[in-house]
Protein backbone atom coordinates (compact mmCIF):
# COMPACT_ATOMS: atom_id res chain seq x y z
CA UNK A 1 85.24 36.22 77.99
CA UNK A 2 84.50 35.35 74.48
CA UNK A 3 81.22 37.40 74.27
CA UNK A 4 83.28 40.51 74.13
CA UNK A 5 84.34 39.67 70.49
CA UNK A 6 80.74 39.80 69.23
CA UNK A 7 80.22 43.12 67.40
CA UNK A 8 77.90 45.42 69.31
CA UNK A 9 77.38 47.87 66.38
CA UNK A 10 76.16 47.17 62.88
CA UNK A 11 76.81 50.12 60.69
CA UNK A 12 76.27 50.69 56.84
CA UNK A 13 76.55 53.83 54.69
CA UNK A 14 72.79 54.07 54.86
CA UNK A 15 72.82 54.61 58.69
CA UNK A 16 75.71 56.80 59.42
CA UNK A 17 73.93 59.66 61.27
CA UNK A 18 74.08 57.94 64.60
CA UNK A 19 78.02 57.87 64.52
CA UNK A 20 78.49 61.17 62.69
CA UNK A 21 80.70 63.17 65.26
CA UNK A 22 80.57 60.30 67.55
CA UNK A 23 81.58 61.25 71.15
CA UNK A 24 82.17 64.90 70.09
CA UNK A 25 81.10 68.09 71.83
CA UNK A 26 80.67 71.75 70.96
CA UNK A 27 79.87 74.96 72.86
CA UNK A 28 78.16 77.72 70.92
CA UNK A 29 75.25 80.15 71.18
CA UNK A 30 72.64 78.06 69.58
CA UNK A 31 70.03 75.72 71.07
CA UNK A 32 69.97 73.51 67.93
CA UNK A 33 69.88 69.92 67.06
CA UNK A 34 73.26 69.01 65.66
CA UNK A 35 72.81 65.28 65.28
CA UNK A 36 70.51 62.50 66.11
CA UNK A 37 69.69 62.22 69.93
CA UNK A 38 72.38 64.82 70.79
CA UNK A 39 72.29 66.14 74.44
CA UNK A 40 72.05 69.85 75.29
CA UNK A 41 73.00 71.81 78.34
CA UNK A 42 72.51 75.57 78.96
CA UNK A 43 75.71 77.09 80.42
CA UNK A 44 75.90 80.86 80.92
CA UNK A 45 76.31 84.11 78.86
CA UNK A 46 73.97 82.56 76.19
CA UNK A 47 76.21 79.55 75.55
CA UNK A 48 75.00 76.02 75.12
CA UNK A 49 76.99 72.68 75.41
CA UNK A 50 75.93 70.21 72.83
CA UNK A 51 77.40 66.56 72.88
CA UNK A 52 76.96 63.27 71.22
CA UNK A 53 74.96 60.70 73.31
CA UNK A 54 77.98 58.10 73.33
CA UNK A 55 80.29 60.64 75.06
CA UNK A 56 80.84 59.94 78.69
CA UNK A 57 79.72 62.93 80.68
CA UNK A 58 79.82 63.56 84.45
CA UNK A 59 78.72 66.76 86.23
CA UNK A 60 78.40 68.09 89.69
CA UNK A 61 77.51 71.40 91.40
CA UNK A 62 79.88 72.93 93.92
CA UNK A 63 80.38 76.30 95.60
CA UNK A 64 81.52 78.07 92.51
CA UNK A 65 79.07 76.76 89.87
CA UNK A 66 78.97 73.66 87.80
CA UNK A 67 81.63 71.32 86.58
CA UNK A 68 81.43 68.93 83.59
CA UNK A 69 83.88 66.19 82.79
CA UNK A 70 83.58 65.25 79.12
CA UNK A 71 85.44 61.95 78.29
CA UNK A 72 87.10 59.55 80.70
CA UNK A 73 89.28 60.95 83.56
CA UNK A 74 90.93 58.72 86.10
CA UNK A 75 93.31 58.90 89.19
CA UNK A 76 96.22 56.41 88.54
CA UNK A 77 97.29 56.82 92.22
CA UNK A 78 93.68 56.46 93.50
CA UNK A 79 92.09 54.01 91.00
CA UNK A 80 88.69 53.95 92.67
CA UNK A 81 88.26 57.75 93.03
CA UNK A 82 85.94 59.79 90.71
CA UNK A 83 86.60 63.30 89.57
CA UNK A 84 83.15 64.72 90.50
CA UNK A 85 83.46 63.32 94.03
CA UNK A 86 86.89 65.03 94.51
CA UNK A 87 85.51 68.40 93.28
CA UNK A 88 82.38 68.14 95.42
CA UNK A 89 84.36 67.39 98.71
CA UNK A 90 84.08 70.00 101.37
CA UNK A 91 87.10 71.89 102.76
CA UNK A 92 89.62 74.31 101.36
CA UNK A 93 89.20 76.90 98.67
CA UNK A 94 86.75 75.71 95.97
CA UNK A 95 88.95 77.07 93.21
CA UNK A 96 92.13 75.41 94.72
CA UNK A 97 90.15 72.18 95.07
CA UNK A 98 88.97 72.32 91.42
CA UNK A 99 92.56 72.87 90.18
CA UNK A 100 93.96 70.16 92.43
CA UNK A 101 91.40 67.68 91.21
CA UNK A 102 92.39 68.50 87.59
CA UNK A 103 96.17 68.46 88.10
CA UNK A 104 96.11 64.94 89.39
CA UNK A 105 93.66 63.67 86.73
CA UNK A 106 94.77 61.39 83.87
CA UNK A 107 92.99 60.11 80.82
CA UNK A 108 91.36 61.77 77.70
CA UNK A 109 88.95 64.47 78.53
CA UNK A 110 88.09 68.17 78.88
CA UNK A 111 86.91 69.77 82.11
CA UNK A 112 84.42 72.64 81.86
CA UNK A 113 83.76 74.96 84.79
CA UNK A 114 80.69 77.13 84.50
CA UNK A 115 80.00 80.10 86.90
CA UNK A 116 77.53 83.00 86.49
CA UNK A 117 79.66 84.94 83.97
CA UNK A 118 82.52 82.60 82.98
CA UNK A 119 83.19 79.45 81.16
CA UNK A 120 86.55 77.81 81.62
CA UNK A 121 87.93 74.81 79.76
CA UNK A 122 90.82 72.69 81.03
CA UNK A 123 92.70 70.21 78.83
CA UNK A 124 93.79 66.66 79.81
CA UNK A 125 97.56 66.25 80.42
CA UNK A 126 98.51 65.83 76.77
CA UNK A 127 95.35 67.45 75.31
CA UNK A 128 94.63 64.09 73.84
CA UNK A 129 91.04 65.27 73.57
CA UNK A 130 91.51 68.36 71.46
CA UNK A 131 89.98 71.69 72.22
CA UNK A 132 89.57 73.94 69.19
CA UNK A 133 88.18 77.57 69.57
CA UNK A 134 87.30 80.70 67.79
CA UNK A 135 85.26 83.75 68.83
CA UNK A 136 83.64 82.35 71.92
CA UNK A 137 83.00 78.80 70.40
CA UNK A 138 84.85 75.67 71.36
CA UNK A 139 84.69 72.10 70.23
CA UNK A 140 86.56 68.80 70.17
CA UNK A 141 86.43 68.94 66.39
CA UNK A 142 87.31 72.01 64.17
CA UNK A 143 84.52 70.95 61.87
CA UNK A 144 81.93 71.85 64.52
CA UNK A 145 83.00 75.51 64.34
CA UNK A 146 81.72 76.73 60.90
CA UNK A 147 82.46 78.28 58.64
CA UNK A 148 85.60 76.26 58.01
CA UNK A 149 88.16 77.83 55.72
CA UNK A 150 91.61 76.42 54.89
CA UNK A 151 94.68 78.67 55.67
CA UNK A 152 95.95 78.72 52.00
CA UNK A 153 99.23 80.39 52.94
CA UNK A 154 99.99 77.78 55.64
CA UNK A 155 99.07 75.04 53.14
CA UNK A 156 101.42 76.48 50.58
CA UNK A 157 104.42 76.55 52.91
CA UNK A 158 103.58 73.36 54.89
CA UNK A 159 101.96 70.78 52.53
CA UNK A 160 100.46 68.59 55.38
CA UNK A 161 100.15 64.91 54.69
CA UNK A 162 103.28 63.05 55.71
CA UNK A 163 103.03 60.26 58.23
CA UNK A 164 104.76 62.49 60.90
CA UNK A 165 103.09 65.84 60.14
CA UNK A 166 101.33 67.83 62.87
CA UNK A 167 100.72 71.39 63.85
CA UNK A 168 102.57 72.72 66.92
CA UNK A 169 101.49 75.31 69.47
CA UNK A 170 97.95 76.62 68.82
CA UNK A 171 98.54 76.48 65.09
CA UNK A 172 95.62 75.07 62.95
CA UNK A 173 95.15 74.99 59.14
CA UNK A 174 91.79 76.76 59.45
CA UNK A 175 91.40 80.51 59.42
CA UNK A 176 90.83 81.91 62.92
CA UNK A 177 90.67 78.64 64.66
CA UNK A 178 93.17 77.86 67.46
CA UNK A 179 94.06 74.62 69.24
CA UNK A 180 94.22 74.99 73.11
CA UNK A 181 97.71 73.98 74.32
CA UNK A 182 97.92 71.05 76.77
CA UNK A 183 97.80 71.95 80.45
CA UNK A 184 96.12 75.31 79.62
CA UNK A 185 92.83 76.87 80.81
CA UNK A 186 90.69 78.77 78.25
CA UNK A 187 88.37 81.53 79.37
CA UNK A 188 85.90 81.04 76.65
CA UNK A 189 84.25 84.52 76.81
CA UNK A 190 87.48 86.43 76.71
CA UNK A 191 89.61 84.02 74.77
CA UNK A 192 92.35 84.24 77.34
CA UNK A 193 94.57 81.18 77.78
CA UNK A 194 96.68 80.48 80.81
CA UNK A 195 98.94 77.53 81.62
CA UNK A 196 97.93 75.84 84.85
CA UNK A 197 100.62 73.06 84.98
CA UNK A 198 103.59 73.14 85.27
CA UNK A 199 103.91 76.70 86.59
CA UNK A 200 107.06 76.28 88.51
CA UNK A 201 110.09 73.93 88.68
CA UNK A 202 109.08 70.31 88.84
CA UNK A 203 110.71 68.39 91.77
CA UNK A 204 113.56 66.36 90.62
CA UNK A 205 113.65 62.61 91.24
CA UNK A 206 116.55 60.15 90.68
CA UNK A 207 116.08 57.68 87.87
CA UNK A 208 115.14 54.72 89.93
CA UNK A 209 112.46 56.55 91.94
CA UNK A 210 111.11 57.97 88.64
CA UNK A 211 110.93 54.48 87.13
CA UNK A 212 109.02 53.11 90.11
CA UNK A 213 106.66 56.10 90.13
CA UNK A 214 105.91 55.78 86.45
CA UNK A 215 105.48 52.00 86.89
CA UNK A 216 103.00 52.57 89.71
CA UNK A 217 101.12 55.14 87.74
CA UNK A 218 100.87 52.87 84.66
CA UNK A 219 99.60 49.99 86.76
CA UNK A 220 97.15 52.26 88.63
CA UNK A 221 95.80 53.58 85.18
CA UNK A 222 95.03 50.02 84.04
CA UNK A 223 93.25 49.29 87.34
CA UNK A 224 91.30 52.54 87.15
CA UNK A 225 90.15 51.77 83.63
CA UNK A 226 89.02 48.39 84.71
CA UNK A 227 86.91 49.99 87.36
CA UNK A 228 85.18 52.09 84.69
CA UNK A 229 84.43 49.50 81.98
CA UNK A 230 85.50 46.77 79.70
CA UNK A 231 89.26 47.22 78.80
CA UNK A 232 90.62 46.25 75.40
CA UNK A 233 94.30 46.50 75.08
CA UNK A 234 95.91 46.45 71.59
CA UNK A 235 99.12 44.63 71.00
CA UNK A 236 101.79 44.96 68.27
CA UNK A 237 105.41 44.13 68.15
CA UNK A 238 106.51 47.52 69.23
CA UNK A 239 107.84 48.85 72.56
CA UNK A 240 104.80 51.15 73.11
CA UNK A 241 102.26 48.34 73.52
CA UNK A 242 104.86 46.23 75.51
CA UNK A 243 104.98 49.04 78.04
CA UNK A 244 101.20 48.74 78.41
CA UNK A 245 101.37 44.87 78.62
CA UNK A 246 103.95 45.14 81.41
CA UNK A 247 101.61 47.49 83.30
CA UNK A 248 98.72 45.15 82.82
CA UNK A 249 100.52 41.91 83.97
CA UNK A 250 98.58 41.76 87.24
CA UNK A 251 95.20 42.14 85.51
CA UNK A 252 95.55 40.05 82.39
CA UNK A 253 92.55 37.77 83.33
CA UNK A 254 90.25 40.79 83.27
CA UNK A 255 91.64 42.33 79.91
CA UNK A 256 90.79 41.53 76.37
CA UNK A 257 93.81 41.86 74.01
CA UNK A 258 93.59 42.27 70.36
CA UNK A 259 95.74 43.03 67.23
CA UNK A 260 94.36 44.42 64.04
CA UNK A 261 95.56 42.49 61.07
CA UNK A 262 95.81 43.86 57.46
CA UNK A 263 98.09 43.05 54.49
CA UNK A 264 100.02 46.17 55.36
CA UNK A 265 100.96 45.20 58.97
CA UNK A 266 104.57 44.22 59.41
CA UNK A 267 105.13 40.53 60.17
CA UNK A 268 106.76 41.26 63.59
CA UNK A 269 103.56 43.09 64.64
CA UNK A 270 101.68 39.83 64.19
CA UNK A 271 104.27 37.36 65.40
CA UNK A 272 105.18 39.13 68.67
CA UNK A 273 101.58 39.52 69.93
CA UNK A 274 100.92 35.83 69.07
CA UNK A 275 103.98 34.89 71.18
CA UNK A 276 102.85 36.99 74.11
CA UNK A 277 99.44 35.49 73.95
CA UNK A 278 100.81 31.97 74.07
CA UNK A 279 103.29 32.63 76.87
CA UNK A 280 101.29 34.53 79.48
CA UNK A 281 98.51 33.37 78.24
CA UNK A 282 96.14 36.17 77.13
CA UNK A 283 92.66 36.27 75.89
CA UNK A 284 93.81 37.64 72.49
CA UNK A 285 92.23 37.89 69.12
CA UNK A 286 93.35 38.90 65.65
CA UNK A 287 90.85 41.31 64.13
CA UNK A 288 90.93 41.21 60.30
CA UNK A 289 90.20 44.74 58.98
CA UNK A 290 88.67 45.09 55.60
CA UNK A 291 89.70 47.93 53.40
CA UNK A 292 88.17 51.11 54.90
CA UNK A 293 85.00 52.16 52.91
CA UNK A 294 84.81 55.69 51.77
CA UNK A 295 81.88 56.53 53.94
CA UNK A 296 83.67 55.40 57.13
CA UNK A 297 86.93 57.23 56.27
CA UNK A 298 84.80 60.44 55.43
CA UNK A 299 83.28 60.28 58.97
CA UNK A 300 86.65 59.80 60.68
CA UNK A 301 88.14 62.61 58.71
CA UNK A 302 85.34 64.92 59.55
CA UNK A 303 85.88 64.35 63.29
CA UNK A 304 89.60 65.02 62.95
CA UNK A 305 89.28 67.86 60.56
CA UNK A 306 91.48 65.96 58.27
CA UNK A 307 94.39 66.27 60.93
CA UNK A 308 94.66 62.46 61.50
CA UNK A 309 96.92 60.90 58.90
CA UNK A 310 98.83 57.66 58.28
CA UNK A 311 97.95 54.11 58.88
CA UNK A 312 95.15 54.93 61.40
CA UNK A 313 92.84 55.76 58.48
CA UNK A 314 93.28 52.31 57.04
CA UNK A 315 92.17 50.20 60.07
CA UNK A 316 88.83 51.88 60.79
CA UNK A 317 86.87 48.73 59.86
CA UNK A 318 88.75 46.75 62.49
CA UNK A 319 88.07 49.45 65.11
CA UNK A 320 84.39 49.38 64.23
CA UNK A 321 84.25 45.62 64.78
CA UNK A 322 85.20 45.91 68.40
CA UNK A 323 83.49 49.13 69.26
CA UNK A 324 81.13 49.28 72.15
CA UNK A 325 79.50 51.84 74.46
CA UNK A 326 81.33 50.72 77.62
CA UNK A 327 84.66 49.58 75.94
CA UNK A 328 87.81 51.40 76.89
CA UNK A 329 90.66 51.05 74.46
CA UNK A 330 94.18 51.25 75.96
CA UNK A 331 96.58 51.62 73.02
CA UNK A 332 100.26 52.35 72.45
CA UNK A 333 99.88 56.13 72.86
CA UNK A 334 99.99 55.49 76.64
CA UNK A 335 103.30 53.63 76.41
CA UNK A 336 104.66 56.15 73.91
CA UNK A 337 104.15 59.22 76.13
CA UNK A 338 105.53 57.36 79.07
CA UNK A 339 108.71 56.53 77.01
CA UNK A 340 109.47 60.21 76.62
CA UNK A 341 110.63 60.20 80.18
CA UNK A 342 113.46 57.78 79.24
CA UNK A 343 114.91 59.95 76.55
CA UNK A 344 118.73 60.08 76.60
CA UNK A 345 119.00 63.81 76.30
CA UNK A 346 122.77 63.91 77.27
CA UNK A 347 122.26 66.57 79.89
CA UNK A 348 121.54 69.51 77.51
CA UNK A 349 122.57 72.93 78.79
CA UNK A 350 119.90 74.81 76.91
CA UNK A 351 116.78 74.50 74.91
CA UNK A 352 117.20 74.80 71.19
CA UNK A 353 114.23 75.46 68.82
CA UNK A 354 115.80 73.01 66.37
CA UNK A 355 115.83 70.33 69.08
CA UNK A 356 112.22 70.87 69.85
CA UNK A 357 111.31 70.67 66.11
CA UNK A 358 113.37 67.66 65.36
CA UNK A 359 110.32 65.53 64.64
CA UNK A 360 109.40 67.77 61.64
CA UNK A 361 110.86 66.91 58.21
CA UNK A 362 109.65 70.39 56.92
CA UNK A 363 110.32 73.44 59.12
CA UNK A 364 108.79 76.46 57.51
CA UNK A 365 108.34 79.71 59.49
CA UNK A 366 104.81 78.95 60.81
CA UNK A 367 105.89 75.70 62.16
CA UNK A 368 108.84 77.16 63.92
CA UNK A 369 106.57 79.96 65.30
CA UNK A 370 104.26 77.39 66.69
CA UNK A 371 107.12 75.73 68.46
CA UNK A 372 108.29 79.06 69.85
CA UNK A 373 104.68 79.85 70.98
CA UNK A 374 104.57 76.58 72.93
CA UNK A 375 108.07 77.27 74.45
CA UNK A 376 107.00 80.76 75.56
CA UNK A 377 104.23 79.16 77.80
CA UNK A 378 106.87 76.92 79.60
CA UNK A 379 108.30 78.16 82.96
CA UNK A 380 111.78 79.50 82.44
CA UNK A 381 113.34 77.62 85.32
CA UNK A 382 112.53 74.18 84.01
CA UNK A 383 115.62 72.06 83.25
CA UNK A 384 116.24 71.68 79.52
CA UNK A 385 115.69 67.87 79.73
CA UNK A 386 112.28 68.44 81.20
CA UNK A 387 111.38 70.87 78.53
CA UNK A 388 112.24 68.48 75.84
CA UNK A 389 110.31 65.73 77.51
CA UNK A 390 107.37 68.14 78.04
CA UNK A 391 107.43 68.99 74.32
CA UNK A 392 107.05 65.41 73.41
CA UNK A 393 104.36 64.80 76.04
CA UNK A 394 102.17 67.76 75.25
CA UNK A 395 102.79 68.53 71.55
CA UNK A 396 103.61 65.24 69.99
CA UNK A 397 101.11 63.58 72.39
CA UNK A 398 98.13 65.69 71.75
CA UNK A 399 98.52 67.27 68.39
CA UNK A 400 99.80 64.19 66.62
CA UNK A 401 98.59 61.18 68.62
CA UNK A 402 95.44 62.40 70.20
CA UNK A 403 93.81 63.93 67.00
CA UNK A 404 93.66 60.40 65.65
CA UNK A 405 91.90 58.93 68.71
CA UNK A 406 88.75 61.08 69.01
């Protein structure tokens, strides 16, 4: 298993074109070359899909047009099944089959359905792969929808930059650009957005059944990722990555574990992974990250539109050392969004905007409006505890975590 730790990419400032907007995509009205070796697909209504060659793309034809899966989608309860196979199956209404295939799909992706006169985009469960859109254009990065102009009023009342800052609802710091809220479908031609899950009350499970179900889904996720490529699982001393390690216990002989090491990493985040690696044992390596060079940080910030902040920008050299075309990184975000289902909400009787916005240090009017916008999309009959969990899962998950993972 040691060959996995040999770098597959050698990049320098002189050869950055091949990783500019790596694994990104955009839909617009131009048949143009965006970057080196980018792929291009005509859609409908004069629209084109352009995507970076390293982006995983699956597509299929079915009764109601074409379907693209951009990114990696898996079925935790059916680890060997593939999305395009589920969509292409015969039987039942094609539209119901498409939606059913999406609702059960996990991972980091966007689904695009193209018919003769309509282009629909569906997010992944947490919108970990962002969908930004404006005037009939859509992209995984706001920087691929020019011209890009900062919303100076929003910047004035919400000086973005703290470790926990993010933008709720569809709010973006760029004039005219919106983020598609998780579990929504976007009709790209009309701009209409509709929630496709949840649309009604979620069946209630007791705590033990819930824990067993989540455990099975996490284990199934690890198995599904192993069926799709080489899995690298990052370890720290925190609970998030411990959740993932517990889910991976049955597969540790097939997984490569790593911990990025810098002089800013807390001692416990180095000591605990070393102990885990010794006890189980694990194929584990420490990856020493050098200070991020300006050219690499610039490429990263361009992809995220400057929305990814905090320590993630300081470990990019370590990430580049272990990058590879078929390597799948399972990180603490999976454990973090899973933990949201274990919140002690003390059986709240109603949903409060202040409770939904508790992660924000600064709460100016645009931020609270974004929170209310999200809340207005949620079915009214959901229990308050479910709404709080859904807020963490959809908003904290995609708008804060996901933007740093693209």
